[in-house]
Amino acid sequence: NLSEDDINTFLLFVNNKDIEIPLTQQNVL
């Protein structure tokens, strides 16, 4: 179940090396 939040978090991780993202049991997969 891929959500908009998952994709935005993914792009935040890829495009911003200095920003930490939260990993949770909901978004880790």
PDB file of all heavy atoms in Angstrom:
ATOM      1  N   ASN A   1       0.847  -1.188   0.000  1.00  0.00           N
ATOM      2  CA  ASN A   1       0.000   0.000   0.000  1.00  0.00           C
ATOM      3  C   ASN A   1       0.888   1.244   0.000  1.00  0.00           C
ATOM      4  O   ASN A   1       1.310   1.731   1.048  1.00  0.00           O
ATOM      5  CB  ASN A   1      -0.923  -0.015   1.227  1.00  0.00           C
ATOM      6  CG  ASN A   1      -1.886   1.153   1.225  1.00  0.00           C
ATOM      7  OD1 ASN A   1      -2.171   1.733   0.164  1.00  0.00           O
ATOM      8  ND2 ASN A   1      -2.374   1.516   2.388  1.00  0.00           N
ATOM      9  N   LEU A   2       1.169   1.733  -1.191  1.00  0.00           N
ATOM     10  CA  LEU A   2       2.060   2.889  -1.348  1.00  0.00           C
ATOM     11  C   LEU A   2       1.238   4.171  -1.301  1.00  0.00           C
ATOM     12  O   LEU A   2       0.344   4.381  -2.116  1.00  0.00           O
ATOM     13  CB  LEU A   2       2.784   2.765  -2.685  1.00  0.00           C
ATOM     14  CG  LEU A   2       4.044   3.606  -2.911  1.00  0.00           C
ATOM     15  CD1 LEU A   2       5.099   3.279  -1.873  1.00  0.00           C
ATOM     16  CD2 LEU A   2       4.579   3.350  -4.314  1.00  0.00           C
ATOM     17  N   SER A   3       1.541   5.033  -0.326  1.00  0.00           N
ATOM     18  CA  SER A   3       0.758   6.261  -0.137  1.00  0.00           C
ATOM     19  C   SER A   3       1.533   7.480  -0.636  1.00  0.00           C
ATOM     20  O   SER A   3       2.740   7.420  -0.889  1.00  0.00           O
ATOM     21  CB  SER A   3       0.417   6.436   1.339  1.00  0.00           C
ATOM     22  OG  SER A   3       1.580   6.757   2.085  1.00  0.00           O
ATOM     23  N   GLU A   4       0.831   8.603  -0.724  1.00  0.00           N
ATOM     24  CA  GLU A   4       1.489   9.867  -1.086  1.00  0.00           C
ATOM     25  C   GLU A   4       2.557  10.231  -0.062  1.00  0.00           C
ATOM     26  O   GLU A   4       3.641  10.708  -0.423  1.00  0.00           O
ATOM     27  CB  GLU A   4       0.449  10.993  -1.174  1.00  0.00           C
ATOM     28  CG  GLU A   4      -0.473  10.907  -2.362  1.00  0.00           C
ATOM     29  CD  GLU A   4      -1.401  12.111  -2.441  1.00  0.00           C
ATOM     30  OE1 GLU A   4      -0.880  13.241  -2.445  1.00  0.00           O
ATOM     31  OE2 GLU A   4      -2.634  11.918  -2.483  1.00  0.00           O
ATOM     32  N   ASP A   5       2.243  10.015   1.209  1.00  0.00           N
ATOM     33  CA  ASP A   5       3.221  10.317   2.258  1.00  0.00           C
ATOM     34  C   ASP A   5       4.486   9.488   2.090  1.00  0.00           C
ATOM     35  O   ASP A   5       5.601   9.988   2.312  1.00  0.00           O
ATOM     36  CB  ASP A   5       2.620  10.047   3.642  1.00  0.00           C
ATOM     37  CG  ASP A   5       1.649  11.135   4.067  1.00  0.00           C
ATOM     38  OD1 ASP A   5       1.670  12.220   3.457  1.00  0.00           O
ATOM     39  OD2 ASP A   5       0.865  10.897   5.008  1.00  0.00           O
ATOM     40  N   ASP A   6       4.330   8.219   1.707  1.00  0.00           N
ATOM     41  CA  ASP A   6       5.494   7.351   1.502  1.00  0.00           C
ATOM     42  C   ASP A   6       6.382   7.900   0.384  1.00  0.00           C
ATOM     43  O   ASP A   6       7.613   7.940   0.517  1.00  0.00           O
ATOM     44  CB  ASP A   6       5.051   5.932   1.140  1.00  0.00           C
ATOM     45  CG  ASP A   6       4.304   5.241   2.263  1.00  0.00           C
ATOM     46  OD1 ASP A   6       4.585   5.552   3.433  1.00  0.00           O
ATOM     47  OD2 ASP A   6       3.435   4.396   1.964  1.00  0.00           O
ATOM     48  N   ILE A   7       5.764   8.319  -0.713  1.00  0.00           N
ATOM     49  CA  ILE A   7       6.539   8.822  -1.851  1.00  0.00           C
ATOM     50  C   ILE A   7       7.209  10.151  -1.505  1.00  0.00           C
ATOM     51  O   ILE A   7       8.375  10.386  -1.847  1.00  0.00           O
ATOM     52  CB  ILE A   7       5.637   8.972  -3.095  1.00  0.00           C
ATOM     53  CG1 ILE A   7       5.094   7.600  -3.502  1.00  0.00           C
ATOM     54  CG2 ILE A   7       6.408   9.603  -4.255  1.00  0.00           C
ATOM     55  CD1 ILE A   7       4.031   7.645  -4.574  1.00  0.00           C
ATOM     56  N   ASN A   8       6.497  11.023  -0.797  1.00  0.00           N
ATOM     57  CA  ASN A   8       7.095  12.299  -0.383  1.00  0.00           C
ATOM     58  C   ASN A   8       8.260  12.070   0.581  1.00  0.00           C
ATOM     59  O   ASN A   8       9.296  12.754   0.492  1.00  0.00           O
ATOM     60  CB  ASN A   8       6.033  13.186   0.267  1.00  0.00           C
ATOM     61  CG  ASN A   8       5.093  13.810  -0.754  1.00  0.00           C
ATOM     62  OD1 ASN A   8       5.510  14.160  -1.856  1.00  0.00           O
ATOM     63  ND2 ASN A   8       3.823  13.944  -0.408  1.00  0.00           N
ATOM     64  N   THR A   9       8.110  11.121   1.501  1.00  0.00           N
ATOM     65  CA  THR A   9       9.195  10.789   2.427  1.00  0.00           C
ATOM     66  C   THR A   9      10.384  10.223   1.675  1.00  0.00           C
ATOM     67  O   THR A   9      11.544  10.556   1.958  1.00  0.00           O
ATOM     68  CB  THR A   9       8.710   9.770   3.481  1.00  0.00           C
ATOM     69  OG1 THR A   9       7.602  10.319   4.194  1.00  0.00           O
ATOM     70  CG2 THR A   9       9.815   9.440   4.473  1.00  0.00           C
ATOM     71  N   PHE A  10      10.097   9.379   0.715  1.00  0.00           N
ATOM     72  CA  PHE A  10      11.139   8.788  -0.134  1.00  0.00           C
ATOM     73  C   PHE A  10      11.931   9.878  -0.857  1.00  0.00           C
ATOM     74  O   PHE A  10      13.173   9.875  -0.849  1.00  0.00           O
ATOM     75  CB  PHE A  10      10.474   7.837  -1.132  1.00  0.00           C
ATOM     76  CG  PHE A  10      11.362   7.366  -2.235  1.00  0.00           C
ATOM     77  CD1 PHE A  10      12.431   6.523  -1.982  1.00  0.00           C
ATOM     78  CD2 PHE A  10      11.113   7.755  -3.552  1.00  0.00           C
ATOM     79  CE1 PHE A  10      13.250   6.072  -3.018  1.00  0.00           C
ATOM     80  CE2 PHE A  10      11.920   7.314  -4.589  1.00  0.00           C
ATOM     81  CZ  PHE A  10      12.991   6.467  -4.315  1.00  0.00           C
ATOM     82  N   LEU A  11      11.234  10.827  -1.468  1.00  0.00           N
ATOM     83  CA  LEU A  11      11.913  11.897  -2.209  1.00  0.00           C
ATOM     84  C   LEU A  11      12.670  12.829  -1.268  1.00  0.00           C
ATOM     85  O   LEU A  11      13.726  13.361  -1.615  1.00  0.00           O
ATOM     86  CB  LEU A  11      10.900  12.685  -3.042  1.00  0.00           C
ATOM     87  CG  LEU A  11      10.357  11.946  -4.274  1.00  0.00           C
ATOM     88  CD1 LEU A  11       9.271  12.765  -4.957  1.00  0.00           C
ATOM     89  CD2 LEU A  11      11.482  11.635  -5.256  1.00  0.00           C
ATOM     90  N   LEU A  12      12.136  13.019  -0.074  1.00  0.00           N
ATOM     91  CA  LEU A  12      12.827  13.835   0.923  1.00  0.00           C
ATOM     92  C   LEU A  12      14.167  13.195   1.283  1.00  0.00           C
ATOM     93  O   LEU A  12      15.190  13.878   1.405  1.00  0.00           O
ATOM     94  CB  LEU A  12      11.955  13.976   2.174  1.00  0.00           C
ATOM     95  CG  LEU A  12      12.377  15.019   3.203  1.00  0.00           C
ATOM     96  CD1 LEU A  12      12.313  16.420   2.615  1.00  0.00           C
ATOM     97  CD2 LEU A  12      11.480  14.944   4.437  1.00  0.00           C
ATOM     98  N   PHE A  13      14.176  11.880   1.413  1.00  0.00           N
ATOM     99  CA  PHE A  13      15.411  11.155   1.727  1.00  0.00           C
ATOM    100  C   PHE A  13      16.409  11.257   0.582  1.00  0.00           C
ATOM    101  O   PHE A  13      17.600  11.521   0.781  1.00  0.00           O
ATOM    102  CB  PHE A  13      15.087   9.683   2.003  1.00  0.00           C
ATOM    103  CG  PHE A  13      16.297   8.830   2.275  1.00  0.00           C
ATOM    104  CD1 PHE A  13      16.819   8.733   3.553  1.00  0.00           C
ATOM    105  CD2 PHE A  13      16.914   8.125   1.246  1.00  0.00           C
ATOM    106  CE1 PHE A  13      17.940   7.945   3.806  1.00  0.00           C
ATOM    107  CE2 PHE A  13      18.033   7.343   1.487  1.00  0.00           C
ATOM    108  CZ  PHE A  13      18.546   7.247   2.770  1.00  0.00           C
ATOM    109  N   VAL A  14      15.929  11.071  -0.651  1.00  0.00           N
ATOM    110  CA  VAL A  14      16.819  11.028  -1.813  1.00  0.00           C
ATOM    111  C   VAL A  14      17.359  12.413  -2.167  1.00  0.00           C
ATOM    112  O   VAL A  14      18.531  12.568  -2.514  1.00  0.00           O
ATOM    113  CB  VAL A  14      16.088  10.423  -3.030  1.00  0.00           C
ATOM    114  CG1 VAL A  14      16.947  10.526  -4.284  1.00  0.00           C
ATOM    115  CG2 VAL A  14      15.726   8.968  -2.764  1.00  0.00           C
ATOM    116  N   ASN A  15      16.527  13.436  -2.070  1.00  0.00           N
ATOM    117  CA  ASN A  15      16.904  14.772  -2.547  1.00  0.00           C
ATOM    118  C   ASN A  15      17.560  15.642  -1.488  1.00  0.00           C
ATOM    119  O   ASN A  15      18.066  16.708  -1.806  1.00  0.00           O
ATOM    120  CB  ASN A  15      15.682  15.514  -3.089  1.00  0.00           C
ATOM    121  CG  ASN A  15      15.334  15.085  -4.507  1.00  0.00           C
ATOM    122  OD1 ASN A  15      16.157  14.542  -5.215  1.00  0.00           O
ATOM    123  ND2 ASN A  15      14.104  15.320  -4.916  1.00  0.00           N
ATOM    124  N   ASN A  16      17.537  15.212  -0.234  1.00  0.00           N
ATOM    125  CA  ASN A  16      18.075  16.059   0.847  1.00  0.00           C
ATOM    126  C   ASN A  16      18.933  15.216   1.777  1.00  0.00           C
ATOM    127  O   ASN A  16      18.426  14.611   2.727  1.00  0.00           O
ATOM    128  CB  ASN A  16      16.938  16.715   1.641  1.00  0.00           C
ATOM    129  CG  ASN A  16      16.059  17.596   0.776  1.00  0.00           C
ATOM    130  OD1 ASN A  16      16.330  18.761   0.566  1.00  0.00           O
ATOM    131  ND2 ASN A  16      14.976  17.016   0.266  1.00  0.00           N
ATOM    132  N   LYS A  17      20.235  15.182   1.515  1.00  0.00           N
ATOM    133  CA  LYS A  17      21.117  14.314   2.283  1.00  0.00           C
ATOM    134  C   LYS A  17      21.258  14.740   3.747  1.00  0.00           C
ATOM    135  O   LYS A  17      21.650  13.936   4.580  1.00  0.00           O
ATOM    136  CB  LYS A  17      22.490  14.241   1.628  1.00  0.00           C
ATOM    137  CG  LYS A  17      23.298  15.521   1.664  1.00  0.00           C
ATOM    138  CD  LYS A  17      24.624  15.350   0.959  1.00  0.00           C
ATOM    139  CE  LYS A  17      25.465  16.614   1.011  1.00  0.00           C
ATOM    140  NZ  LYS A  17      25.863  16.973   2.374  1.00  0.00           N
ATOM    141  N   ASP A  18      20.935  15.994   4.063  1.00  0.00           N
ATOM    142  CA  ASP A  18      21.114  16.480   5.426  1.00  0.00           C
ATOM    143  C   ASP A  18      19.842  16.390   6.268  1.00  0.00           C
ATOM    144  O   ASP A  18      19.832  16.794   7.429  1.00  0.00           O
ATOM    145  CB  ASP A  18      21.597  17.940   5.411  1.00  0.00           C
ATOM    146  CG  ASP A  18      22.978  18.065   4.794  1.00  0.00           C
ATOM    147  OD1 ASP A  18      23.792  17.144   4.990  1.00  0.00           O
ATOM    148  OD2 ASP A  18      23.235  19.067   4.108  1.00  0.00           O
ATOM    149  N   ILE A  19      18.765  15.866   5.678  1.00  0.00           N
ATOM    150  CA  ILE A  19      17.495  15.796   6.406  1.00  0.00           C
ATOM    151  C   ILE A  19      17.220  14.356   6.815  1.00  0.00           C
ATOM    152  O   ILE A  19      17.315  13.429   6.001  1.00  0.00           O
ATOM    153  CB  ILE A  19      16.337  16.331   5.537  1.00  0.00           C
ATOM    154  CG1 ILE A  19      16.532  17.833   5.291  1.00  0.00           C
ATOM    155  CG2 ILE A  19      14.995  16.069   6.196  1.00  0.00           C
ATOM    156  CD1 ILE A  19      15.449  18.465   4.445  1.00  0.00           C
ATOM    157  N   GLU A  20      16.889  14.155   8.098  1.00  0.00           N
ATOM    158  CA  GLU A  20      16.534  12.822   8.574  1.00  0.00           C
ATOM    159  C   GLU A  20      15.046  12.567   8.343  1.00  0.00           C
ATOM    160  O   GLU A  20      14.229  13.478   8.475  1.00  0.00           O
ATOM    161  CB  GLU A  20      16.854  12.686  10.058  1.00  0.00           C
ATOM    162  CG  GLU A  20      18.345  12.732  10.363  1.00  0.00           C
ATOM    163  CD  GLU A  20      18.624  12.533  11.843  1.00  0.00           C
ATOM    164  OE1 GLU A  20      17.747  12.877  12.660  1.00  0.00           O
ATOM    165  OE2 GLU A  20      19.711  12.027  12.178  1.00  0.00           O
ATOM    166  N   ILE A  21      14.709  11.335   7.994  1.00  0.00           N
ATOM    167  CA  ILE A  21      13.303  10.965   7.815  1.00  0.00           C
ATOM    168  C   ILE A  21      12.932   9.930   8.868  1.00  0.00           C
ATOM    169  O   ILE A  21      13.794   9.170   9.330  1.00  0.00           O
ATOM    170  CB  ILE A  21      13.027  10.408   6.401  1.00  0.00           C
ATOM    171  CG1 ILE A  21      13.803   9.103   6.176  1.00  0.00           C
ATOM    172  CG2 ILE A  21      13.377  11.434   5.330  1.00  0.00           C
ATOM    173  CD1 ILE A  21      13.332   8.302   4.995  1.00  0.00           C
ATOM    174  N   PRO A  22      11.657   9.876   9.255  1.00  0.00           N
ATOM    175  CA  PRO A  22      11.245   8.869  10.241  1.00  0.00           C
ATOM    176  C   PRO A  22      10.968   7.521   9.570  1.00  0.00           C
ATOM    177  O   PRO A  22      10.300   7.459   8.544  1.00  0.00           O
ATOM    178  CB  PRO A  22       9.949   9.457  10.814  1.00  0.00           C
ATOM    179  CG  PRO A  22       9.384  10.269   9.677  1.00  0.00           C
ATOM    180  CD  PRO A  22      10.567  10.803   8.909  1.00  0.00           C
ATOM    181  N   LEU A  23      11.505   6.457  10.142  1.00  0.00           N
ATOM    182  CA  LEU A  23      11.141   5.103   9.719  1.00  0.00           C
ATOM    183  C   LEU A  23      10.165   4.544  10.740  1.00  0.00           C
ATOM    184  O   LEU A  23      10.410   4.614  11.949  1.00  0.00           O
ATOM    185  CB  LEU A  23      12.376   4.201   9.649  1.00  0.00           C
ATOM    186  CG  LEU A  23      13.180   4.170   8.356  1.00  0.00           C
ATOM    187  CD1 LEU A  23      14.312   3.161   8.469  1.00  0.00           C
ATOM    188  CD2 LEU A  23      12.304   3.850   7.163  1.00  0.00           C
ATOM    189  N   THR A  24       9.068   3.988  10.264  1.00  0.00           N
ATOM    190  CA  THR A  24       8.054   3.408  11.149  1.00  0.00           C
ATOM    191  C   THR A  24       7.641   2.048  10.600  1.00  0.00           C
ATOM    192  O   THR A  24       7.984   1.689   9.461  1.00  0.00           O
ATOM    193  CB  THR A  24       6.801   4.303  11.224  1.00  0.00           C
ATOM    194  OG1 THR A  24       6.130   4.282   9.936  1.00  0.00           O
ATOM    195  CG2 THR A  24       7.165   5.751  11.560  1.00  0.00           C
ATOM    196  N   GLN A  25       6.884   1.307  11.392  1.00  0.00           N
ATOM    197  CA  GLN A  25       6.402   0.008  10.915  1.00  0.00           C
ATOM    198  C   GLN A  25       5.382   0.180   9.797  1.00  0.00           C
ATOM    199  O   GLN A  25       5.094  -0.759   9.061  1.00  0.00           O
ATOM    200  CB  GLN A  25       5.821  -0.801  12.073  1.00  0.00           C
ATOM    201  CG  GLN A  25       6.874  -1.191  13.093  1.00  0.00           C
ATOM    202  CD  GLN A  25       6.472  -2.375  13.952  1.00  0.00           C
ATOM    203  OE1 GLN A  25       5.659  -3.193  13.557  1.00  0.00           O
ATOM    204  NE2 GLN A  25       7.044  -2.454  15.136  1.00  0.00           N
ATOM    205  N   GLN A  26       4.846   1.388   9.658  1.00  0.00           N
ATOM    206  CA  GLN A  26       3.880   1.659   8.591  1.00  0.00           C
ATOM    207  C   GLN A  26       4.569   1.969   7.259  1.00  0.00           C
ATOM    208  O   GLN A  26       4.073   1.602   6.197  1.00  0.00           O
ATOM    209  CB  GLN A  26       2.955   2.826   8.971  1.00  0.00           C
ATOM    210  CG  GLN A  26       1.909   2.495  10.019  1.00  0.00           C
ATOM    211  CD  GLN A  26       2.512   2.254  11.391  1.00  0.00           C
ATOM    212  OE1 GLN A  26       3.387   3.002  11.831  1.00  0.00           O
ATOM    213  NE2 GLN A  26       2.068   1.209  12.065  1.00  0.00           N
ATOM    214  N   ASN A  27       5.717   2.655   7.315  1.00  0.00           N
ATOM    215  CA  ASN A  27       6.323   3.074   6.045  1.00  0.00           C
ATOM    216  C   ASN A  27       7.586   2.315   5.652  1.00  0.00           C
ATOM    217  O   ASN A  27       8.108   2.496   4.560  1.00  0.00           O
ATOM    218  CB  ASN A  27       6.612   4.591   6.060  1.00  0.00           C
ATOM    219  CG  ASN A  27       7.778   4.971   6.966  1.00  0.00           C
ATOM    220  OD1 ASN A  27       8.524   4.144   7.457  1.00  0.00           O
ATOM    221  ND2 ASN A  27       7.937   6.261   7.207  1.00  0.00           N
ATOM    222  N   VAL A  28       8.096   1.449   6.539  1.00  0.00           N
ATOM    223  CA  VAL A  28       9.382   0.807   6.244  1.00  0.00           C
ATOM    224  C   VAL A  28       9.297  -0.117   5.033  1.00  0.00           C
ATOM    225  O   VAL A  28      10.229  -0.158   4.213  1.00  0.00           O
ATOM    226  CB  VAL A  28       9.928   0.050   7.482  1.00  0.00           C
ATOM    227  CG1 VAL A  28       9.058  -1.152   7.842  1.00  0.00           C
ATOM    228  CG2 VAL A  28      11.374  -0.384   7.245  1.00  0.00           C
ATOM    229  N   LEU A  29       8.195  -0.826   4.875  1.00  0.00           N
ATOM    230  CA  LEU A  29       8.084  -1.727   3.728  1.00  0.00           C
ATOM    231  C   LEU A  29       7.932  -0.959   2.410  1.00  0.00           C
ATOM    232  O   LEU A  29       8.615  -1.285   1.425  1.00  0.00           O
ATOM    233  CB  LEU A  29       6.940  -2.715   3.927  1.00  0.00           C
ATOM    234  CG  LEU A  29       6.872  -3.860   2.910  1.00  0.00           C
ATOM    235  CD1 LEU A  29       8.164  -4.667   2.906  1.00  0.00           C
ATOM    236  CD2 LEU A  29       5.688  -4.769   3.200  1.00  0.00           C
TER     237      LEU A  29
END
